[in-house]
């Protein structure tokens, strides 16, 4: 059902043809990158948090992790991920398929600046065995994002 909802949503932007379905799981960044034949960083992972009891999504490069102090600076609260059993109710998708497409209307979407280093990224598309190939401008338009944020850890050298 989530895949159908996400594809219907993407149809408004003429992007439903970019959806890729797999026989194997793409629920984790590593699984998705292997299935797509790309780098982990090119997977646009979507993480769900509660901010003031409201769900938000942060889409970031697949190789990045949330920096708790940056998150708190940006959202003025501690980073609290939504438990997997509450994702479908609060966001509209289940764990492994969370994406910014076809989500509940009250969910705000933020894009992390880590995505800007890529021309094309692969977010999930509502299920744990789907993805959608998008350019950054396509992701910006289709995600209806609020703004870019800088909430991920910098790579360690």
N, C-alpha and C. Protein backbone atom coordinates (compact mmCIF):
# COMPACT_ATOMS: atom_id res chain seq x y z
N UNK A 1 0.81 -1.20 0.00
CA UNK A 1 0.00 0.00 0.00
C UNK A 1 0.86 1.27 0.00
N UNK A 2 1.93 1.29 0.79
CA UNK A 2 2.79 2.47 0.84
C UNK A 2 3.45 2.75 -0.51
N UNK A 3 3.85 1.69 -1.22
CA UNK A 3 4.45 1.87 -2.54
C UNK A 3 3.45 2.52 -3.48
N UNK A 4 2.22 2.06 -3.45
CA UNK A 4 1.17 2.62 -4.30
C UNK A 4 0.97 4.10 -3.98
N UNK A 5 0.91 4.40 -2.69
CA UNK A 5 0.72 5.78 -2.23
C UNK A 5 1.88 6.67 -2.68
N UNK A 6 3.10 6.19 -2.53
CA UNK A 6 4.28 6.96 -2.93
C UNK A 6 4.32 7.16 -4.45
N UNK A 7 4.00 6.10 -5.21
CA UNK A 7 4.00 6.20 -6.67
C UNK A 7 2.92 7.17 -7.16
N UNK A 8 1.76 7.10 -6.55
CA UNK A 8 0.67 8.03 -6.91
C UNK A 8 1.09 9.46 -6.66
N UNK A 9 1.75 9.68 -5.53
CA UNK A 9 2.24 11.02 -5.20
C UNK A 9 3.27 11.48 -6.24
N UNK A 10 4.23 10.60 -6.58
CA UNK A 10 5.28 10.95 -7.53
C UNK A 10 4.73 11.18 -8.95
N UNK A 11 3.58 10.60 -9.24
CA UNK A 11 2.95 10.77 -10.55
C UNK A 11 2.66 12.25 -10.83
N UNK A 12 2.32 13.01 -9.78
CA UNK A 12 2.04 14.44 -9.93
C UNK A 12 3.25 15.20 -10.48
N UNK A 13 4.43 14.65 -10.27
CA UNK A 13 5.67 15.28 -10.71
C UNK A 13 6.28 14.56 -11.92
N UNK A 14 5.52 13.61 -12.47
CA UNK A 14 5.96 12.80 -13.61
C UNK A 14 7.24 12.03 -13.26
N UNK A 15 7.33 11.57 -12.02
CA UNK A 15 8.51 10.84 -11.55
C UNK A 15 8.20 9.39 -11.21
N UNK A 16 6.97 8.96 -11.36
CA UNK A 16 6.61 7.59 -11.01
C UNK A 16 7.34 6.57 -11.89
N UNK A 17 7.77 6.97 -13.07
CA UNK A 17 8.53 6.09 -13.95
C UNK A 17 9.96 5.85 -13.47
N UNK A 18 10.40 6.62 -12.48
CA UNK A 18 11.75 6.47 -11.93
C UNK A 18 11.80 5.46 -10.79
N UNK A 19 10.65 4.92 -10.41
CA UNK A 19 10.59 3.98 -9.29
C UNK A 19 11.15 2.63 -9.71
N UNK A 20 11.97 2.06 -8.83
CA UNK A 20 12.61 0.76 -9.08
C UNK A 20 12.16 -0.19 -7.97
N UNK A 21 11.66 -1.36 -8.35
CA UNK A 21 11.27 -2.37 -7.36
C UNK A 21 12.26 -3.53 -7.45
N UNK A 22 12.55 -4.11 -6.29
CA UNK A 22 13.53 -5.18 -6.20
C UNK A 22 12.89 -6.43 -5.60
N UNK A 23 13.49 -7.60 -5.90
CA UNK A 23 13.07 -8.84 -5.26
C UNK A 23 13.70 -8.94 -3.88
N UNK A 24 14.91 -8.37 -3.74
CA UNK A 24 15.61 -8.42 -2.46
C UNK A 24 15.31 -7.17 -1.63
N UNK A 25 15.65 -7.23 -0.36
CA UNK A 25 15.43 -6.11 0.55
C UNK A 25 16.38 -4.96 0.24
N UNK A 26 15.83 -3.75 0.31
CA UNK A 26 16.63 -2.53 0.22
C UNK A 26 16.35 -1.67 1.45
N UNK A 27 16.02 -2.33 2.55
CA UNK A 27 15.62 -1.65 3.78
C UNK A 27 16.75 -0.87 4.44
N UNK A 28 17.99 -1.34 4.27
CA UNK A 28 19.12 -0.63 4.86
C UNK A 28 19.89 0.08 3.76
N UNK A 29 20.68 1.06 4.14
CA UNK A 29 21.50 1.78 3.17
C UNK A 29 22.39 0.80 2.41
N UNK A 30 23.05 -0.11 3.12
CA UNK A 30 23.96 -1.07 2.49
C UNK A 30 23.22 -1.95 1.49
N UNK A 31 22.06 -2.48 1.88
CA UNK A 31 21.27 -3.34 0.98
C UNK A 31 20.83 -2.56 -0.26
N UNK A 32 20.40 -1.33 -0.06
CA UNK A 32 19.95 -0.51 -1.19
C UNK A 32 21.11 -0.21 -2.14
N UNK A 33 22.26 0.15 -1.59
CA UNK A 33 23.42 0.47 -2.42
C UNK A 33 23.87 -0.76 -3.22
N UNK A 34 23.85 -1.93 -2.58
CA UNK A 34 24.22 -3.16 -3.30
C UNK A 34 23.24 -3.46 -4.42
N UNK A 35 21.94 -3.32 -4.14
CA UNK A 35 20.93 -3.60 -5.16
C UNK A 35 21.01 -2.62 -6.33
N UNK A 36 21.35 -1.38 -6.04
CA UNK A 36 21.42 -0.34 -7.07
C UNK A 36 22.78 -0.23 -7.73
N UNK A 37 23.80 -0.85 -7.12
CA UNK A 37 25.15 -0.75 -7.66
C UNK A 37 25.73 0.65 -7.52
N UNK A 38 25.45 1.29 -6.39
CA UNK A 38 25.96 2.64 -6.15
C UNK A 38 26.65 2.69 -4.79
N UNK A 39 27.19 3.85 -4.44
CA UNK A 39 27.83 4.05 -3.14
C UNK A 39 26.76 4.25 -2.07
N UNK A 40 27.08 3.88 -0.83
CA UNK A 40 26.18 4.12 0.30
C UNK A 40 25.76 5.59 0.36
N UNK A 41 26.69 6.47 0.10
CA UNK A 41 26.43 7.91 0.19
C UNK A 41 25.35 8.38 -0.77
N UNK A 42 25.16 7.66 -1.88
CA UNK A 42 24.16 8.06 -2.88
C UNK A 42 22.73 7.64 -2.51
N UNK A 43 22.60 6.84 -1.47
CA UNK A 43 21.27 6.50 -0.96
C UNK A 43 20.79 7.68 -0.13
N UNK A 44 19.62 8.18 -0.43
CA UNK A 44 19.05 9.29 0.34
C UNK A 44 18.19 8.68 1.44
N UNK A 45 18.82 8.50 2.60
CA UNK A 45 18.08 7.85 3.69
C UNK A 45 17.18 8.87 4.37
N UNK A 46 16.00 8.39 4.74
CA UNK A 46 15.01 9.25 5.38
C UNK A 46 14.83 8.79 6.81
N UNK A 47 15.10 9.72 7.73
CA UNK A 47 15.02 9.42 9.16
C UNK A 47 13.86 10.22 9.76
N UNK A 48 13.08 9.56 10.63
CA UNK A 48 11.89 10.17 11.22
C UNK A 48 12.12 10.51 12.69
N UNK A 49 11.79 11.74 13.05
CA UNK A 49 11.96 12.22 14.41
C UNK A 49 10.70 12.90 14.90
N UNK A 50 10.59 13.02 16.22
CA UNK A 50 9.52 13.82 16.83
C UNK A 50 10.12 15.13 17.31
N UNK A 51 9.52 16.24 16.90
CA UNK A 51 9.91 17.56 17.35
C UNK A 51 8.64 18.24 17.84
N UNK A 52 8.61 18.57 19.12
CA UNK A 52 7.39 19.15 19.74
C UNK A 52 6.18 18.26 19.48
N UNK A 53 6.36 16.94 19.62
CA UNK A 53 5.31 15.94 19.42
C UNK A 53 4.78 15.87 17.99
N UNK A 54 5.48 16.49 17.04
CA UNK A 54 5.10 16.42 15.63
C UNK A 54 6.17 15.67 14.85
N UNK A 55 5.75 14.82 13.91
CA UNK A 55 6.74 14.07 13.13
C UNK A 55 7.42 14.95 12.09
N UNK A 56 8.74 14.76 11.95
CA UNK A 56 9.49 15.39 10.87
C UNK A 56 10.34 14.31 10.21
N UNK A 57 10.70 14.56 8.96
CA UNK A 57 11.60 13.67 8.24
C UNK A 57 12.84 14.46 7.86
N UNK A 58 13.99 13.83 8.02
CA UNK A 58 15.24 14.40 7.54
C UNK A 58 15.81 13.44 6.52
N UNK A 59 16.02 13.94 5.31
CA UNK A 59 16.60 13.13 4.24
C UNK A 59 18.06 13.53 4.15
N UNK A 60 18.95 12.53 4.25
CA UNK A 60 20.40 12.79 4.27
C UNK A 60 21.12 11.75 3.43
N UNK A 61 22.35 12.05 3.13
CA UNK A 61 23.22 11.11 2.43
C UNK A 61 23.34 9.84 3.26
N UNK A 62 23.30 8.69 2.60
CA UNK A 62 23.26 7.40 3.27
C UNK A 62 24.42 7.07 4.17
N UNK A 63 25.55 7.73 3.98
CA UNK A 63 26.72 7.43 4.81
C UNK A 63 26.84 8.36 6.01
N UNK A 64 25.86 9.22 6.22
CA UNK A 64 25.93 10.20 7.31
C UNK A 64 25.09 9.75 8.52
N UNK A 65 25.49 10.28 9.68
CA UNK A 65 24.76 10.03 10.93
C UNK A 65 24.37 11.37 11.52
N UNK A 66 23.30 11.39 12.28
CA UNK A 66 22.84 12.62 12.92
C UNK A 66 23.85 13.05 13.99
N UNK A 67 24.14 14.32 14.00
CA UNK A 67 24.97 14.94 15.03
C UNK A 67 23.99 15.53 16.05
N UNK A 68 23.94 14.94 17.24
CA UNK A 68 22.93 15.34 18.23
C UNK A 68 23.01 16.81 18.60
N UNK A 69 24.20 17.38 18.70
CA UNK A 69 24.29 18.79 19.07
C UNK A 69 23.80 19.69 17.93
N UNK A 70 24.10 19.34 16.69
CA UNK A 70 23.61 20.12 15.55
C UNK A 70 22.08 20.02 15.46
N UNK A 71 21.55 18.82 15.71
CA UNK A 71 20.11 18.62 15.68
C UNK A 71 19.45 19.54 16.71
N UNK A 72 20.01 19.53 17.93
CA UNK A 72 19.43 20.34 19.01
C UNK A 72 19.53 21.83 18.70
N UNK A 73 20.64 22.26 18.10
CA UNK A 73 20.79 23.66 17.70
C UNK A 73 19.73 24.05 16.68
N UNK A 74 19.47 23.16 15.74
CA UNK A 74 18.53 23.45 14.66
C UNK A 74 17.07 23.38 15.10
N UNK A 75 16.72 22.32 15.84
CA UNK A 75 15.32 22.08 16.19
C UNK A 75 14.98 22.40 17.65
N UNK A 76 15.98 22.83 18.43
CA UNK A 76 15.77 23.25 19.83
C UNK A 76 15.18 22.15 20.72
N UNK A 77 15.53 20.92 20.38
CA UNK A 77 15.13 19.77 21.18
C UNK A 77 16.09 18.63 20.90
N UNK A 78 16.11 17.67 21.79
CA UNK A 78 16.95 16.49 21.61
C UNK A 78 16.42 15.64 20.45
N UNK A 79 17.32 15.03 19.70
CA UNK A 79 16.93 14.15 18.60
C UNK A 79 16.25 12.90 19.16
N UNK A 80 14.98 12.72 18.84
CA UNK A 80 14.23 11.55 19.30
C UNK A 80 13.60 10.87 18.09
N UNK A 81 14.20 9.75 17.72
CA UNK A 81 13.66 9.03 16.55
C UNK A 81 12.30 8.42 16.88
N UNK A 82 11.46 8.36 15.88
CA UNK A 82 10.14 7.74 16.04
C UNK A 82 10.33 6.23 16.08
N UNK A 83 9.80 5.56 17.10
CA UNK A 83 9.91 4.09 17.16
C UNK A 83 9.28 3.45 15.92
N UNK A 84 9.90 2.37 15.44
CA UNK A 84 9.45 1.74 14.19
C UNK A 84 7.98 1.35 14.21
N UNK A 85 7.46 0.94 15.38
CA UNK A 85 6.05 0.53 15.43
C UNK A 85 5.08 1.71 15.32
N UNK A 86 5.59 2.95 15.41
CA UNK A 86 4.74 4.14 15.29
C UNK A 86 4.89 4.84 13.94
N UNK A 87 5.84 4.40 13.12
CA UNK A 87 6.11 5.07 11.85
C UNK A 87 4.91 5.14 10.92
N UNK A 88 4.25 4.02 10.72
CA UNK A 88 3.13 4.01 9.77
C UNK A 88 2.03 4.96 10.20
N UNK A 89 1.72 4.98 11.49
CA UNK A 89 0.66 5.86 12.00
C UNK A 89 1.07 7.32 11.90
N UNK A 90 2.30 7.65 12.32
CA UNK A 90 2.72 9.05 12.38
C UNK A 90 3.20 9.62 11.05
N UNK A 91 3.83 8.77 10.22
CA UNK A 91 4.43 9.24 8.98
C UNK A 91 3.66 8.77 7.75
N UNK A 92 3.23 7.51 7.76
CA UNK A 92 2.52 6.96 6.60
C UNK A 92 3.26 5.84 5.91
N UNK A 93 4.47 5.52 6.37
CA UNK A 93 5.26 4.43 5.82
C UNK A 93 5.86 3.61 6.96
N UNK A 94 6.22 2.36 6.65
CA UNK A 94 6.83 1.49 7.67
C UNK A 94 8.35 1.54 7.57
N UNK A 95 9.02 1.04 8.60
CA UNK A 95 10.48 1.01 8.65
C UNK A 95 11.03 0.31 7.40
N UNK A 96 12.09 0.88 6.85
CA UNK A 96 12.71 0.33 5.64
C UNK A 96 12.17 0.95 4.37
N UNK A 97 11.00 1.58 4.46
CA UNK A 97 10.40 2.22 3.28
C UNK A 97 10.07 3.68 3.50
N UNK A 98 10.51 4.23 4.62
CA UNK A 98 10.19 5.63 4.91
C UNK A 98 10.83 6.53 3.86
N UNK A 99 10.01 7.40 3.31
CA UNK A 99 10.46 8.33 2.27
C UNK A 99 9.59 9.59 2.37
N UNK A 100 9.97 10.66 1.70
CA UNK A 100 9.19 11.89 1.80
C UNK A 100 8.03 11.99 0.79
N UNK A 101 7.60 10.87 0.24
CA UNK A 101 6.56 10.88 -0.79
C UNK A 101 5.32 10.13 -0.31
N UNK A 102 4.15 10.74 -0.46
CA UNK A 102 2.92 10.08 -0.03
C UNK A 102 2.83 9.95 1.47
N UNK A 103 3.34 10.94 2.19
CA UNK A 103 3.34 10.92 3.65
C UNK A 103 2.11 11.63 4.21
N UNK A 104 1.89 11.49 5.49
CA UNK A 104 0.79 12.19 6.15
C UNK A 104 0.98 13.70 6.00
N UNK A 105 -0.10 14.43 5.88
CA UNK A 105 -0.04 15.86 5.56
C UNK A 105 0.62 16.72 6.63
N UNK A 106 0.68 16.26 7.86
CA UNK A 106 1.27 17.07 8.93
C UNK A 106 2.78 16.87 9.09
N UNK A 107 3.38 16.03 8.27
CA UNK A 107 4.81 15.72 8.40
C UNK A 107 5.64 16.73 7.60
N UNK A 108 6.56 17.39 8.29
CA UNK A 108 7.46 18.34 7.62
C UNK A 108 8.73 17.61 7.19
N UNK A 109 9.23 17.98 6.02
CA UNK A 109 10.42 17.34 5.44
C UNK A 109 11.56 18.35 5.38
N UNK A 110 12.74 17.90 5.81
CA UNK A 110 13.96 18.70 5.75
C UNK A 110 15.00 17.91 4.98
N UNK A 111 15.78 18.59 4.17
CA UNK A 111 16.86 17.95 3.43
C UNK A 111 18.17 18.38 4.07
N UNK A 112 19.05 17.41 4.32
CA UNK A 112 20.34 17.73 4.89
C UNK A 112 21.29 18.18 3.78
N UNK A 113 22.17 19.11 4.12
CA UNK A 113 23.12 19.64 3.14
C UNK A 113 24.05 18.56 2.57
N UNK A 114 24.15 17.43 3.23
CA UNK A 114 25.00 16.33 2.74
C UNK A 114 24.55 15.83 1.36
N UNK A 115 23.30 16.07 1.00
CA UNK A 115 22.79 15.63 -0.30
C UNK A 115 23.33 16.47 -1.46
N UNK A 116 23.75 17.69 -1.14
CA UNK A 116 24.14 18.63 -2.20
C UNK A 116 25.40 18.23 -2.96
N UNK A 117 26.14 17.25 -2.45
CA UNK A 117 27.35 16.85 -3.16
C UNK A 117 27.05 15.87 -4.30
N UNK A 118 25.79 15.52 -4.51
CA UNK A 118 25.41 14.55 -5.54
C UNK A 118 24.49 15.17 -6.59
N UNK A 119 24.56 14.62 -7.80
CA UNK A 119 23.63 15.01 -8.85
C UNK A 119 22.35 14.18 -8.75
N UNK A 120 22.54 12.88 -8.42
CA UNK A 120 21.43 11.93 -8.37
C UNK A 120 21.51 11.15 -7.06
N UNK A 121 20.34 10.92 -6.45
CA UNK A 121 20.27 10.12 -5.22
C UNK A 121 19.11 9.13 -5.34
N UNK A 122 19.07 8.18 -4.40
CA UNK A 122 18.07 7.12 -4.43
C UNK A 122 17.37 7.01 -3.08
N UNK A 123 16.26 7.71 -2.88
CA UNK A 123 15.48 7.48 -1.66
C UNK A 123 14.64 6.21 -1.80
N UNK A 124 14.17 5.70 -0.67
CA UNK A 124 13.20 4.60 -0.70
C UNK A 124 11.91 5.11 -1.33
N UNK A 125 11.00 4.19 -1.58
CA UNK A 125 9.73 4.59 -2.19
C UNK A 125 8.55 3.89 -1.51
N UNK A 126 8.55 3.89 -0.19
CA UNK A 126 7.40 3.39 0.54
C UNK A 126 7.47 1.96 1.02
N UNK A 127 8.42 1.18 0.50
CA UNK A 127 8.54 -0.21 0.94
C UNK A 127 10.01 -0.55 1.16
N UNK A 128 10.26 -1.70 1.76
CA UNK A 128 11.63 -2.13 2.03
C UNK A 128 12.27 -2.84 0.85
N UNK A 129 11.67 -2.72 -0.33
CA UNK A 129 12.29 -3.28 -1.54
C UNK A 129 12.02 -2.37 -2.74
N UNK A 130 12.09 -1.05 -2.50
CA UNK A 130 11.88 -0.10 -3.59
C UNK A 130 12.79 1.10 -3.40
N UNK A 131 13.01 1.81 -4.51
CA UNK A 131 13.77 3.05 -4.50
C UNK A 131 13.28 3.90 -5.67
N UNK A 132 13.67 5.15 -5.67
CA UNK A 132 13.34 6.02 -6.80
C UNK A 132 14.59 6.85 -7.12
N UNK A 133 14.95 6.87 -8.39
CA UNK A 133 16.13 7.62 -8.84
C UNK A 133 15.71 9.06 -9.11
N UNK A 134 16.34 10.00 -8.38
CA UNK A 134 15.98 11.41 -8.51
C UNK A 134 17.21 12.30 -8.57
N UNK A 135 17.12 13.34 -9.39
CA UNK A 135 18.13 14.39 -9.31
C UNK A 135 17.81 15.21 -8.06
N UNK A 136 18.77 15.99 -7.61
CA UNK A 136 18.52 16.82 -6.43
C UNK A 136 17.37 17.80 -6.68
N UNK A 137 17.29 18.49 -7.83
CA UNK A 137 16.12 19.36 -8.06
C UNK A 137 14.79 18.58 -8.05
N UNK A 138 14.79 17.35 -8.55
CA UNK A 138 13.57 16.53 -8.50
C UNK A 138 13.21 16.19 -7.07
N UNK A 139 14.22 15.83 -6.26
CA UNK A 139 13.98 15.53 -4.85
C UNK A 139 13.44 16.77 -4.14
N UNK A 140 14.04 17.92 -4.39
CA UNK A 140 13.59 19.16 -3.76
C UNK A 140 12.12 19.41 -4.07
N UNK A 141 11.75 19.29 -5.33
CA UNK A 141 10.36 19.55 -5.72
C UNK A 141 9.40 18.50 -5.16
N UNK A 142 9.73 17.24 -5.33
CA UNK A 142 8.81 16.17 -4.94
C UNK A 142 8.70 16.00 -3.43
N UNK A 143 9.72 16.38 -2.69
CA UNK A 143 9.68 16.20 -1.23
C UNK A 143 8.91 17.32 -0.53
N UNK A 144 8.68 18.42 -1.25
CA UNK A 144 8.00 19.56 -0.63
C UNK A 144 8.72 19.96 0.66
N UNK A 145 10.05 20.00 0.61
CA UNK A 145 10.86 20.23 1.80
C UNK A 145 10.69 21.66 2.34
N UNK A 146 10.87 21.80 3.64
CA UNK A 146 10.77 23.09 4.31
C UNK A 146 12.03 23.90 4.04
N UNK A 147 13.20 23.26 4.29
CA UNK A 147 14.48 23.93 4.08
C UNK A 147 15.60 22.90 4.18
N UNK A 148 16.78 23.35 3.76
CA UNK A 148 17.98 22.55 3.98
C UNK A 148 18.45 22.79 5.41
N UNK A 149 18.93 21.73 6.05
CA UNK A 149 19.50 21.81 7.39
C UNK A 149 20.87 21.16 7.37
N UNK A 150 21.67 21.46 8.38
CA UNK A 150 22.99 20.86 8.52
C UNK A 150 23.01 20.16 9.88
N UNK A 151 22.55 18.90 9.90
CA UNK A 151 22.40 18.18 11.16
C UNK A 151 23.17 16.85 11.20
N UNK A 152 24.05 16.65 10.24
CA UNK A 152 24.82 15.39 10.22
C UNK A 152 26.26 15.63 10.64
N UNK A 153 26.87 14.55 11.13
CA UNK A 153 28.27 14.59 11.53
C UNK A 153 29.15 14.74 10.30
N UNK A 154 30.20 15.49 10.47
CA UNK A 154 31.20 15.61 9.40
C UNK A 154 32.03 14.34 9.39
N UNK A 155 32.47 13.91 8.21
CA UNK A 155 33.29 12.69 8.16
C UNK A 155 34.59 12.87 8.92
N UNK A 156 35.01 11.80 9.57
CA UNK A 156 36.29 11.81 10.29
C UNK A 156 37.40 11.49 9.31
N UNK A 157 38.46 12.27 9.36
CA UNK A 157 39.57 12.05 8.42
C UNK A 157 40.64 11.18 9.03
